[in-house]
Amino acid sequence: MNDGKELEEAGKFELDRYLGPPKRPEGHVSFTGALEKHPHNPEKIVLIVDPFSSHLLCYEFNRADIGGLEELPSIATSDGEAVHMYRIWVRKGSIGVQSIPFIVDDIAGKWNR
């Protein structure tokens, strides 16, 4: 039985040999998270460690201090919102800023005995 559809011969698929994870740049330390542009300084980047966490932790680095970048698998919420994750290699001895933003609230009523 021939319905007019014929099978086509598949071509060759080239495979790259797995060489293992990227090599760590000498004199660098890795940090992992979601990359964002710095809101005020184009010479800096912001790395958000866990973008979907309620406890936000960010790092700020100078772009010139980054010696390498490795793309990691994206993470997603159950709603389908996805964020690209990266591992960046920052030169040892460079200055980074760690930020833990929080909302200021009056807790006077919460500590009454």
PDB file of N, CA and C in Angstrom:
ATOM      1  N   MET A   1       0.842  -1.163   0.000  1.00  0.00           N
ATOM      2  CA  MET A   1       0.000   0.000   0.000  1.00  0.00           C
ATOM      3  C   MET A   1       0.896   1.237   0.000  1.00  0.00           C
ATOM      4  N   ASN A   2       0.748   2.103  -0.976  1.00  0.00           N
ATOM      5  CA  ASN A   2       1.555   3.292  -1.110  1.00  0.00           C
ATOM      6  C   ASN A   2       0.632   4.501  -1.119  1.00  0.00           C
ATOM      7  N   ASP A   3       0.797   5.387  -0.121  1.00  0.00           N
ATOM      8  CA  ASP A   3      -0.060   6.571  -0.029  1.00  0.00           C
ATOM      9  C   ASP A   3       0.617   7.816  -0.598  1.00  0.00           C
ATOM     10  N   GLY A   4       1.654   7.652  -1.370  1.00  0.00           N
ATOM     11  CA  GLY A   4       2.333   8.769  -2.004  1.00  0.00           C
ATOM     12  C   GLY A   4       3.494   9.334  -1.191  1.00  0.00           C
ATOM     13  N   LYS A   5       3.660   8.862   0.027  1.00  0.00           N
ATOM     14  CA  LYS A   5       4.758   9.341   0.860  1.00  0.00           C
ATOM     15  C   LYS A   5       5.885   8.326   0.795  1.00  0.00           C
ATOM     16  N   GLU A   6       7.066   8.808   0.569  1.00  0.00           N
ATOM     17  CA  GLU A   6       8.225   7.931   0.507  1.00  0.00           C
ATOM     18  C   GLU A   6       9.214   8.300   1.598  1.00  0.00           C
ATOM     19  N   LEU A   7       9.932   7.326   2.058  1.00  0.00           N
ATOM     20  CA  LEU A   7      10.966   7.576   3.048  1.00  0.00           C
ATOM     21  C   LEU A   7      12.187   8.151   2.360  1.00  0.00           C
ATOM     22  N   GLU A   8      12.781   9.148   3.008  1.00  0.00           N
ATOM     23  CA  GLU A   8      14.003   9.725   2.472  1.00  0.00           C
ATOM     24  C   GLU A   8      15.185   9.213   3.276  1.00  0.00           C
ATOM     25  N   GLU A   9      16.296   9.084   2.587  1.00  0.00           N
ATOM     26  CA  GLU A   9      17.503   8.628   3.269  1.00  0.00           C
ATOM     27  C   GLU A   9      18.030   9.739   4.163  1.00  0.00           C
ATOM     28  N   ALA A  10      18.317   9.393   5.409  1.00  0.00           N
ATOM     29  CA  ALA A  10      18.832  10.381   6.357  1.00  0.00           C
ATOM     30  C   ALA A  10      20.317  10.605   6.107  1.00  0.00           C
ATOM     31  N   GLY A  11      20.737  11.853   6.253  1.00  0.00           N
ATOM     32  CA  GLY A  11      22.146  12.179   6.084  1.00  0.00           C
ATOM     33  C   GLY A  11      22.931  11.868   7.348  1.00  0.00           C
ATOM     34  N   LYS A  12      24.233  12.081   7.275  1.00  0.00           N
ATOM     35  CA  LYS A  12      25.091  11.858   8.433  1.00  0.00           C
ATOM     36  C   LYS A  12      24.932  12.989   9.432  1.00  0.00           C
ATOM     37  N   PHE A  13      25.030  12.641  10.694  1.00  0.00           N
ATOM     38  CA  PHE A  13      25.036  13.633  11.756  1.00  0.00           C
ATOM     39  C   PHE A  13      26.429  13.668  12.356  1.00  0.00           C
ATOM     40  N   GLU A  14      27.030  14.833  12.338  1.00  0.00           N
ATOM     41  CA  GLU A  14      28.364  14.989  12.901  1.00  0.00           C
ATOM     42  C   GLU A  14      28.243  15.193  14.406  1.00  0.00           C
ATOM     43  N   LEU A  15      29.046  14.495  15.155  1.00  0.00           N
ATOM     44  CA  LEU A  15      29.065  14.627  16.606  1.00  0.00           C
ATOM     45  C   LEU A  15      30.409  15.176  17.050  1.00  0.00           C
ATOM     46  N   ASP A  16      30.357  16.067  18.014  1.00  0.00           N
ATOM     47  CA  ASP A  16      31.582  16.574  18.608  1.00  0.00           C
ATOM     48  C   ASP A  16      31.936  15.710  19.808  1.00  0.00           C
ATOM     49  N   ARG A  17      33.199  15.451  19.957  1.00  0.00           N
ATOM     50  CA  ARG A  17      33.660  14.662  21.086  1.00  0.00           C
ATOM     51  C   ARG A  17      33.534  15.506  22.349  1.00  0.00           C
ATOM     52  N   TYR A  18      33.021  14.908  23.438  1.00  0.00           N
ATOM     53  CA  TYR A  18      32.887  15.609  24.711  1.00  0.00           C
ATOM     54  C   TYR A  18      34.266  15.771  25.319  1.00  0.00           C
ATOM     55  N   LEU A  19      34.628  17.007  25.597  1.00  0.00           N
ATOM     56  CA  LEU A  19      35.946  17.292  26.131  1.00  0.00           C
ATOM     57  C   LEU A  19      35.923  17.589  27.627  1.00  0.00           C
ATOM     58  N   GLY A  20      34.770  17.446  28.255  1.00  0.00           N
ATOM     59  CA  GLY A  20      34.651  17.733  29.679  1.00  0.00           C
ATOM     60  C   GLY A  20      34.273  19.184  29.897  1.00  0.00           C
ATOM     61  N   PRO A  21      34.141  19.580  31.153  1.00  0.00           N
ATOM     62  CA  PRO A  21      33.758  20.966  31.431  1.00  0.00           C
ATOM     63  C   PRO A  21      34.869  21.927  31.033  1.00  0.00           C
ATOM     64  N   PRO A  22      34.511  23.190  30.804  1.00  0.00           N
ATOM     65  CA  PRO A  22      35.542  24.170  30.444  1.00  0.00           C
ATOM     66  C   PRO A  22      36.600  24.264  31.537  1.00  0.00           C
ATOM     67  N   LYS A  23      37.795  24.534  31.137  1.00  0.00           N
ATOM     68  CA  LYS A  23      38.892  24.645  32.096  1.00  0.00           C
ATOM     69  C   LYS A  23      38.776  25.954  32.871  1.00  0.00           C
ATOM     70  N   ARG A  24      39.099  25.886  34.152  1.00  0.00           N
ATOM     71  CA  ARG A  24      39.063  27.050  35.015  1.00  0.00           C
ATOM     72  C   ARG A  24      40.204  27.992  34.640  1.00  0.00           C
ATOM     73  N   PRO A  25      39.888  29.250  34.350  1.00  0.00           N
ATOM     74  CA  PRO A  25      40.963  30.201  34.065  1.00  0.00           C
ATOM     75  C   PRO A  25      41.875  30.341  35.288  1.00  0.00           C
ATOM     76  N   GLU A  26      43.167  30.336  35.048  1.00  0.00           N
ATOM     77  CA  GLU A  26      44.147  30.444  36.133  1.00  0.00           C
ATOM     78  C   GLU A  26      43.952  31.761  36.889  1.00  0.00           C
ATOM     79  N   GLY A  27      43.911  31.678  38.222  1.00  0.00           N
ATOM     80  CA  GLY A  27      43.797  32.881  39.041  1.00  0.00           C
ATOM     81  C   GLY A  27      42.396  33.469  39.098  1.00  0.00           C
ATOM     82  N   HIS A  28      41.369  32.655  38.856  1.00  0.00           N
ATOM     83  CA  HIS A  28      39.989  33.125  38.870  1.00  0.00           C
ATOM     84  C   HIS A  28      39.138  32.266  39.813  1.00  0.00           C
ATOM     85  N   VAL A  29      38.020  32.824  40.249  1.00  0.00           N
ATOM     86  CA  VAL A  29      37.055  32.142  41.113  1.00  0.00           C
ATOM     87  C   VAL A  29      35.698  32.191  40.415  1.00  0.00           C
ATOM     88  N   SER A  30      34.919  31.099  40.513  1.00  0.00           N
ATOM     89  CA  SER A  30      33.631  31.071  39.819  1.00  0.00           C
ATOM     90  C   SER A  30      32.482  31.518  40.716  1.00  0.00           C
ATOM     91  N   PHE A  31      31.497  32.160  40.069  1.00  0.00           N
ATOM     92  CA  PHE A  31      30.242  32.556  40.695  1.00  0.00           C
ATOM     93  C   PHE A  31      29.136  32.172  39.721  1.00  0.00           C
ATOM     94  N   THR A  32      28.005  31.702  40.245  1.00  0.00           N
ATOM     95  CA  THR A  32      26.925  31.214  39.399  1.00  0.00           C
ATOM     96  C   THR A  32      25.643  31.982  39.679  1.00  0.00           C
ATOM     97  N   GLY A  33      24.905  32.313  38.605  1.00  0.00           N
ATOM     98  CA  GLY A  33      23.621  32.983  38.763  1.00  0.00           C
ATOM     99  C   GLY A  33      23.122  33.537  37.441  1.00  0.00           C
ATOM    100  N   ALA A  34      22.117  34.389  37.537  1.00  0.00           N
ATOM    101  CA  ALA A  34      21.528  35.035  36.363  1.00  0.00           C
ATOM    102  C   ALA A  34      22.195  36.397  36.172  1.00  0.00           C
ATOM    103  N   LEU A  35      22.645  36.676  34.973  1.00  0.00           N
ATOM    104  CA  LEU A  35      23.321  37.946  34.672  1.00  0.00           C
ATOM    105  C   LEU A  35      22.317  39.044  34.319  1.00  0.00           C
ATOM    106  N   GLU A  36      22.582  40.223  34.837  1.00  0.00           N
ATOM    107  CA  GLU A  36      21.764  41.398  34.534  1.00  0.00           C
ATOM    108  C   GLU A  36      22.691  42.573  34.250  1.00  0.00           C
ATOM    109  N   LYS A  37      22.198  43.533  33.484  1.00  0.00           N
ATOM    110  CA  LYS A  37      22.949  44.770  33.282  1.00  0.00           C
ATOM    111  C   LYS A  37      22.909  45.571  34.579  1.00  0.00           C
ATOM    112  N   HIS A  38      23.990  46.269  34.858  1.00  0.00           N
ATOM    113  CA  HIS A  38      24.004  47.146  36.026  1.00  0.00           C
ATOM    114  C   HIS A  38      23.068  48.316  35.730  1.00  0.00           C
ATOM    115  N   PRO A  39      22.246  48.743  36.696  1.00  0.00           N
ATOM    116  CA  PRO A  39      21.276  49.798  36.392  1.00  0.00           C
ATOM    117  C   PRO A  39      21.870  51.171  36.114  1.00  0.00           C
ATOM    118  N   HIS A  40      23.136  51.418  36.550  1.00  0.00           N
ATOM    119  CA  HIS A  40      23.701  52.754  36.381  1.00  0.00           C
ATOM    120  C   HIS A  40      25.058  52.779  35.676  1.00  0.00           C
ATOM    121  N   ASN A  41      25.785  51.674  35.702  1.00  0.00           N
ATOM    122  CA  ASN A  41      27.158  51.670  35.198  1.00  0.00           C
ATOM    123  C   ASN A  41      27.336  50.575  34.145  1.00  0.00           C
ATOM    124  N   PRO A  42      27.551  50.938  32.878  1.00  0.00           N
ATOM    125  CA  PRO A  42      27.703  49.920  31.832  1.00  0.00           C
ATOM    126  C   PRO A  42      29.002  49.117  31.938  1.00  0.00           C
ATOM    127  N   GLU A  43      29.934  49.539  32.800  1.00  0.00           N
ATOM    128  CA  GLU A  43      31.194  48.819  32.987  1.00  0.00           C
ATOM    129  C   GLU A  43      31.078  47.710  34.037  1.00  0.00           C
ATOM    130  N   LYS A  44      29.889  47.541  34.618  1.00  0.00           N
ATOM    131  CA  LYS A  44      29.676  46.531  35.660  1.00  0.00           C
ATOM    132  C   LYS A  44      28.525  45.614  35.289  1.00  0.00           C
ATOM    133  N   ILE A  45      28.512  44.439  35.924  1.00  0.00           N
ATOM    134  CA  ILE A  45      27.398  43.499  35.761  1.00  0.00           C
ATOM    135  C   ILE A  45      26.873  43.138  37.146  1.00  0.00           C
ATOM    136  N   VAL A  46      25.640  42.651  37.177  1.00  0.00           N
ATOM    137  CA  VAL A  46      25.015  42.166  38.403  1.00  0.00           C
ATOM    138  C   VAL A  46      24.705  40.691  38.191  1.00  0.00           C
ATOM    139  N   LEU A  47      25.069  39.867  39.163  1.00  0.00           N
ATOM    140  CA  LEU A  47      24.802  38.433  39.117  1.00  0.00           C
ATOM    141  C   LEU A  47      23.827  38.107  40.242  1.00  0.00           C
ATOM    142  N   ILE A  48      22.639  37.626  39.892  1.00  0.00           N
ATOM    143  CA  ILE A  48      21.617  37.270  40.878  1.00  0.00           C
ATOM    144  C   ILE A  48      21.740  35.778  41.138  1.00  0.00           C
ATOM    145  N   VAL A  49      22.091  35.427  42.378  1.00  0.00           N
ATOM    146  CA  VAL A  49      22.433  34.046  42.703  1.00  0.00           C
ATOM    147  C   VAL A  49      21.254  33.100  42.499  1.00  0.00           C
ATOM    148  N   ASP A  50      20.099  33.388  43.059  1.00  0.00           N
ATOM    149  CA  ASP A  50      18.929  32.523  42.916  1.00  0.00           C
ATOM    150  C   ASP A  50      17.739  33.413  42.564  1.00  0.00           C
ATOM    151  N   PRO A  51      17.483  33.632  41.268  1.00  0.00           N
ATOM    152  CA  PRO A  51      16.512  34.645  40.852  1.00  0.00           C
ATOM    153  C   PRO A  51      15.081  34.401  41.304  1.00  0.00           C
ATOM    154  N   PHE A  52      14.699  33.170  41.638  1.00  0.00           N
ATOM    155  CA  PHE A  52      13.319  32.905  42.041  1.00  0.00           C
ATOM    156  C   PHE A  52      13.163  32.785  43.552  1.00  0.00           C
ATOM    157  N   SER A  53      14.215  33.029  44.300  1.00  0.00           N
ATOM    158  CA  SER A  53      14.162  32.913  45.752  1.00  0.00           C
ATOM    159  C   SER A  53      13.541  34.166  46.363  1.00  0.00           C
ATOM    160  N   SER A  54      12.910  34.010  47.518  1.00  0.00           N
ATOM    161  CA  SER A  54      12.379  35.177  48.225  1.00  0.00           C
ATOM    162  C   SER A  54      13.488  35.899  48.979  1.00  0.00           C
ATOM    163  N   HIS A  55      14.659  35.270  49.129  1.00  0.00           N
ATOM    164  CA  HIS A  55      15.821  35.876  49.779  1.00  0.00           C
ATOM    165  C   HIS A  55      16.851  36.207  48.696  1.00  0.00           C
ATOM    166  N   LEU A  56      16.740  37.407  48.157  1.00  0.00           N
ATOM    167  CA  LEU A  56      17.562  37.804  47.029  1.00  0.00           C
ATOM    168  C   LEU A  56      19.000  38.079  47.465  1.00  0.00           C
ATOM    169  N   LEU A  57      19.954  37.545  46.710  1.00  0.00           N
ATOM    170  CA  LEU A  57      21.374  37.782  46.940  1.00  0.00           C
ATOM    171  C   LEU A  57      22.000  38.123  45.589  1.00  0.00           C
ATOM    172  N   CYS A  58      22.704  39.265  45.527  1.00  0.00           N
ATOM    173  CA  CYS A  58      23.305  39.737  44.277  1.00  0.00           C
ATOM    174  C   CYS A  58      24.785  40.004  44.473  1.00  0.00           C
ATOM    175  N   TYR A  59      25.536  39.823  43.395  1.00  0.00           N
ATOM    176  CA  TYR A  59      26.937  40.224  43.344  1.00  0.00           C
ATOM    177  C   TYR A  59      27.093  41.244  42.230  1.00  0.00           C
ATOM    178  N   GLU A  60      27.996  42.178  42.426  1.00  0.00           N
ATOM    179  CA  GLU A  60      28.304  43.187  41.415  1.00  0.00           C
ATOM    180  C   GLU A  60      29.797  43.110  41.125  1.00  0.00           C
ATOM    181  N   PHE A  61      30.150  43.012  39.836  1.00  0.00           N
ATOM    182  CA  PHE A  61      31.544  42.901  39.429  1.00  0.00           C
ATOM    183  C   PHE A  61      31.828  43.856  38.277  1.00  0.00           C
ATOM    184  N   ASN A  62      33.080  44.275  38.162  1.00  0.00           N
ATOM    185  CA  ASN A  62      33.515  45.023  36.981  1.00  0.00           C
ATOM    186  C   ASN A  62      33.642  44.051  35.812  1.00  0.00           C
ATOM    187  N   ARG A  63      33.194  44.454  34.649  1.00  0.00           N
ATOM    188  CA  ARG A  63      33.297  43.599  33.457  1.00  0.00           C
ATOM    189  C   ARG A  63      34.747  43.241  33.145  1.00  0.00           C
ATOM    190  N   ALA A  64      35.667  44.162  33.399  1.00  0.00           N
ATOM    191  CA  ALA A  64      37.076  43.928  33.090  1.00  0.00           C
ATOM    192  C   ALA A  64      37.680  42.826  33.953  1.00  0.00           C
ATOM    193  N   ASP A  65      37.059  42.495  35.087  1.00  0.00           N
ATOM    194  CA  ASP A  65      37.578  41.464  35.988  1.00  0.00           C
ATOM    195  C   ASP A  65      37.065  40.063  35.652  1.00  0.00           C
ATOM    196  N   ILE A  66      36.208  39.955  34.661  1.00  0.00           N
ATOM    197  CA  ILE A  66      35.645  38.654  34.297  1.00  0.00           C
ATOM    198  C   ILE A  66      36.538  38.009  33.250  1.00  0.00           C
ATOM    199  N   GLY A  67      37.074  36.828  33.606  1.00  0.00           N
ATOM    200  CA  GLY A  67      38.000  36.137  32.717  1.00  0.00           C
ATOM    201  C   GLY A  67      37.369  35.042  31.896  1.00  0.00           C
ATOM    202  N   GLY A  68      36.123  34.713  32.153  1.00  0.00           N
ATOM    203  CA  GLY A  68      35.451  33.672  31.394  1.00  0.00           C
ATOM    204  C   GLY A  68      33.983  33.601  31.758  1.00  0.00           C
ATOM    205  N   LEU A  69      33.191  33.009  30.857  1.00  0.00           N
ATOM    206  CA  LEU A  69      31.758  32.882  31.052  1.00  0.00           C
ATOM    207  C   LEU A  69      31.330  31.534  30.497  1.00  0.00           C
ATOM    208  N   GLU A  70      30.509  30.827  31.240  1.00  0.00           N
ATOM    209  CA  GLU A  70      30.021  29.518  30.819  1.00  0.00           C
ATOM    210  C   GLU A  70      28.504  29.508  30.952  1.00  0.00           C
ATOM    211  N   GLU A  71      27.801  29.198  29.874  1.00  0.00           N
ATOM    212  CA  GLU A  71      26.345  29.134  29.929  1.00  0.00           C
ATOM    213  C   GLU A  71      25.923  27.823  30.573  1.00  0.00           C
ATOM    214  N   LEU A  72      24.996  27.912  31.518  1.00  0.00           N
ATOM    215  CA  LEU A  72      24.475  26.746  32.224  1.00  0.00           C
ATOM    216  C   LEU A  72      23.028  26.527  31.801  1.00  0.00           C
ATOM    217  N   PRO A  73      22.431  25.387  32.170  1.00  0.00           N
ATOM    218  CA  PRO A  73      21.016  25.188  31.838  1.00  0.00           C
ATOM    219  C   PRO A  73      20.134  26.254  32.490  1.00  0.00           C
ATOM    220  N   SER A  74      19.091  26.653  31.785  1.00  0.00           N
ATOM    221  CA  SER A  74      18.148  27.634  32.310  1.00  0.00           C
ATOM    222  C   SER A  74      17.312  27.004  33.414  1.00  0.00           C
ATOM    223  N   ILE A  75      16.781  27.850  34.292  1.00  0.00           N
ATOM    224  CA  ILE A  75      15.841  27.366  35.297  1.00  0.00           C
ATOM    225  C   ILE A  75      14.492  28.004  35.003  1.00  0.00           C
ATOM    226  N   ALA A  76      13.412  27.326  35.401  1.00  0.00           N
ATOM    227  CA  ALA A  76      12.076  27.821  35.086  1.00  0.00           C
ATOM    228  C   ALA A  76      11.128  27.570  36.249  1.00  0.00           C
ATOM    229  N   THR A  77      10.091  28.392  36.319  1.00  0.00           N
ATOM    230  CA  THR A  77       9.040  28.205  37.308  1.00  0.00           C
ATOM    231  C   THR A  77       7.975  27.293  36.720  1.00  0.00           C
ATOM    232  N   SER A  78       7.021  26.900  37.547  1.00  0.00           N
ATOM    233  CA  SER A  78       5.926  26.067  37.051  1.00  0.00           C
ATOM    234  C   SER A  78       5.014  26.860  36.118  1.00  0.00           C
ATOM    235  N   ASP A  79       5.103  28.196  36.149  1.00  0.00           N
ATOM    236  CA  ASP A  79       4.321  29.050  35.256  1.00  0.00           C
ATOM    237  C   ASP A  79       4.983  29.216  33.890  1.00  0.00           C
ATOM    238  N   GLY A  80       6.195  28.680  33.722  1.00  0.00           N
ATOM    239  CA  GLY A  80       6.888  28.757  32.451  1.00  0.00           C
ATOM    240  C   GLY A  80       7.850  29.924  32.324  1.00  0.00           C
ATOM    241  N   GLU A  81       8.023  30.703  33.386  1.00  0.00           N
ATOM    242  CA  GLU A  81       8.989  31.801  33.351  1.00  0.00           C
ATOM    243  C   GLU A  81      10.388  31.212  33.469  1.00  0.00           C
ATOM    244  N   ALA A  82      11.250  31.516  32.506  1.00  0.00           N
ATOM    245  CA  ALA A  82      12.600  30.933  32.479  1.00  0.00           C
ATOM    246  C   ALA A  82      13.664  32.015  32.603  1.00  0.00           C
ATOM    247  N   VAL A  83      14.776  31.640  33.227  1.00  0.00           N
ATOM    248  CA  VAL A  83      15.908  32.544  33.390  1.00  0.00           C
ATOM    249  C   VAL A  83      17.166  31.805  32.964  1.00  0.00           C
ATOM    250  N   HIS A  84      17.994  32.457  32.154  1.00  0.00           N
ATOM    251  CA  HIS A  84      19.269  31.874  31.742  1.00  0.00           C
ATOM    252  C   HIS A  84      20.263  31.980  32.894  1.00  0.00           C
ATOM    253  N   MET A  85      20.982  30.907  33.154  1.00  0.00           N
ATOM    254  CA  MET A  85      21.967  30.875  34.236  1.00  0.00           C
ATOM    255  C   MET A  85      23.366  30.802  33.630  1.00  0.00           C
ATOM    256  N   TYR A  86      24.333  31.390  34.338  1.00  0.00           N
ATOM    257  CA  TYR A  86      25.708  31.442  33.864  1.00  0.00           C
ATOM    258  C   TYR A  86      26.678  31.189  35.007  1.00  0.00           C
ATOM    259  N   ARG A  87      27.852  30.705  34.669  1.00  0.00           N
ATOM    260  CA  ARG A  87      28.984  30.655  35.594  1.00  0.00           C
ATOM    261  C   ARG A  87      29.991  31.651  35.055  1.00  0.00           C
ATOM    262  N   ILE A  88      30.363  32.615  35.896  1.00  0.00           N
ATOM    263  CA  ILE A  88      31.374  33.579  35.482  1.00  0.00           C
ATOM    264  C   ILE A  88      32.626  33.343  36.314  1.00  0.00           C
ATOM    265  N   TRP A  89      33.767  33.625  35.724  1.00  0.00           N
ATOM    266  CA  TRP A  89      35.057  33.458  36.381  1.00  0.00           C
ATOM    267  C   TRP A  89      35.627  34.850  36.626  1.00  0.00           C
ATOM    268  N   VAL A  90      35.770  35.200  37.913  1.00  0.00           N
ATOM    269  CA  VAL A  90      36.206  36.535  38.302  1.00  0.00           C
ATOM    270  C   VAL A  90      37.640  36.454  38.801  1.00  0.00           C
ATOM    271  N   ARG A  91      38.452  37.402  38.361  1.00  0.00           N
ATOM    272  CA  ARG A  91      39.874  37.438  38.713  1.00  0.00           C
ATOM    273  C   ARG A  91      40.045  37.580  40.219  1.00  0.00           C
ATOM    274  N   LYS A  92      40.911  36.736  40.789  1.00  0.00           N
ATOM    275  CA  LYS A  92      41.221  36.824  42.218  1.00  0.00           C
ATOM    276  C   LYS A  92      41.823  38.189  42.523  1.00  0.00           C
ATOM    277  N   GLY A  93      41.476  38.753  43.662  1.00  0.00           N
ATOM    278  CA  GLY A  93      41.994  40.050  44.075  1.00  0.00           C
ATOM    279  C   GLY A  93      41.167  41.225  43.593  1.00  0.00           C
ATOM    280  N   SER A  94      40.212  40.980  42.691  1.00  0.00           N
ATOM    281  CA  SER A  94      39.370  42.087  42.235  1.00  0.00           C
ATOM    282  C   SER A  94      38.294  42.366  43.289  1.00  0.00           C
ATOM    283  N   ILE A  95      37.668  43.522  43.187  1.00  0.00           N
ATOM    284  CA  ILE A  95      36.668  43.917  44.171  1.00  0.00           C
ATOM    285  C   ILE A  95      35.274  43.614  43.636  1.00  0.00           C
ATOM    286  N   GLY A  96      34.492  42.919  44.454  1.00  0.00           N
ATOM    287  CA  GLY A  96      33.106  42.638  44.151  1.00  0.00           C
ATOM    288  C   GLY A  96      32.249  43.188  45.280  1.00  0.00           C
ATOM    289  N   VAL A  97      30.985  43.421  44.992  1.00  0.00           N
ATOM    290  CA  VAL A  97      30.061  43.909  46.004  1.00  0.00           C
ATOM    291  C   VAL A  97      28.960  42.872  46.165  1.00  0.00           C
ATOM    292  N   GLN A  98      28.730  42.454  47.418  1.00  0.00           N
ATOM    293  CA  GLN A  98      27.657  41.518  47.725  1.00  0.00           C
ATOM    294  C   GLN A  98      26.498  42.315  48.306  1.00  0.00           C
ATOM    295  N   SER A  99      25.306  42.163  47.741  1.00  0.00           N
ATOM    296  CA  SER A  99      24.125  42.898  48.198  1.00  0.00           C
ATOM    297  C   SER A  99      23.040  41.924  48.623  1.00  0.00           C
ATOM    298  N   ILE A 100      22.418  42.233  49.756  1.00  0.00           N
ATOM    299  CA  ILE A 100      21.266  41.466  50.222  1.00  0.00           C
ATOM    300  C   ILE A 100      20.142  42.478  50.448  1.00  0.00           C
ATOM    301  N   PRO A 101      19.325  42.743  49.427  1.00  0.00           N
ATOM    302  CA  PRO A 101      18.248  43.717  49.580  1.00  0.00           C
ATOM    303  C   PRO A 101      17.160  43.184  50.516  1.00  0.00           C
ATOM    304  N   PHE A 102      16.520  44.093  51.237  1.00  0.00           N
ATOM    305  CA  PHE A 102      15.415  43.713  52.121  1.00  0.00           C
ATOM    306  C   PHE A 102      14.459  44.879  52.238  1.00  0.00           C
ATOM    307  N   ILE A 103      13.252  44.607  52.719  1.00  0.00           N
ATOM    308  CA  ILE A 103      12.234  45.631  52.914  1.00  0.00           C
ATOM    309  C   ILE A 103      12.255  46.037  54.381  1.00  0.00           C
ATOM    310  N   VAL A 104      12.380  47.317  54.627  1.00  0.00           N
ATOM    311  CA  VAL A 104      12.379  47.832  55.989  1.00  0.00           C
ATOM    312  C   VAL A 104      10.943  47.843  56.489  1.00  0.00           C
ATOM    313  N   ASP A 105      10.753  47.291  57.686  1.00  0.00           N
ATOM    314  CA  ASP A 105       9.413  47.211  58.246  1.00  0.00           C
ATOM    315  C   ASP A 105       9.498  47.439  59.746  1.00  0.00           C
ATOM    316  N   ASP A 106       8.457  47.983  60.310  1.00  0.00           N
ATOM    317  CA  ASP A 106       8.382  48.196  61.750  1.00  0.00           C
ATOM    318  C   ASP A 106       7.923  46.901  62.399  1.00  0.00           C
ATOM    319  N   ILE A 107       8.756  46.344  63.288  1.00  0.00           N
ATOM    320  CA  ILE A 107       8.413  45.088  63.925  1.00  0.00           C
ATOM    321  C   ILE A 107       8.027  45.260  65.391  1.00  0.00           C
ATOM    322  N   ALA A 108       7.730  46.512  65.810  1.00  0.00           N
ATOM    323  CA  ALA A 108       7.419  46.783  67.214  1.00  0.00           C
ATOM    324  C   ALA A 108       6.254  45.934  67.713  1.00  0.00           C
ATOM    325  N   GLY A 109       5.237  45.788  66.956  1.00  0.00           N
ATOM    326  CA  GLY A 109       4.070  45.012  67.381  1.00  0.00           C
ATOM    327  C   GLY A 109       4.321  43.509  67.397  1.00  0.00           C
ATOM    328  N   LYS A 110       5.345  43.054  66.748  1.00  0.00           N
ATOM    329  CA  LYS A 110       5.617  41.627  66.653  1.00  0.00           C
ATOM    330  C   LYS A 110       6.373  41.106  67.858  1.00  0.00           C
ATOM    331  N   TRP A 111       6.922  41.999  68.709  1.00  0.00           N
ATOM    332  CA  TRP A 111       7.743  41.561  69.836  1.00  0.00           C
ATOM    333  C   TRP A 111       7.081  41.836  71.186  1.00  0.00           C
ATOM    334  N   ASN A 112       5.804  42.178  71.182  1.00  0.00           N
ATOM    335  CA  ASN A 112       5.109  42.428  72.453  1.00  0.00           C
ATOM    336  C   ASN A 112       4.989  41.134  73.236  1.00  0.00           C
ATOM    337  N   ARG A 113       5.168  41.250  74.559  1.00  0.00           N
ATOM    338  CA  ARG A 113       5.089  40.035  75.409  1.00  0.00           C
ATOM    339  C   ARG A 113       3.748  39.902  76.028  1.00  0.00           C
TER     340      ARG A 113
END
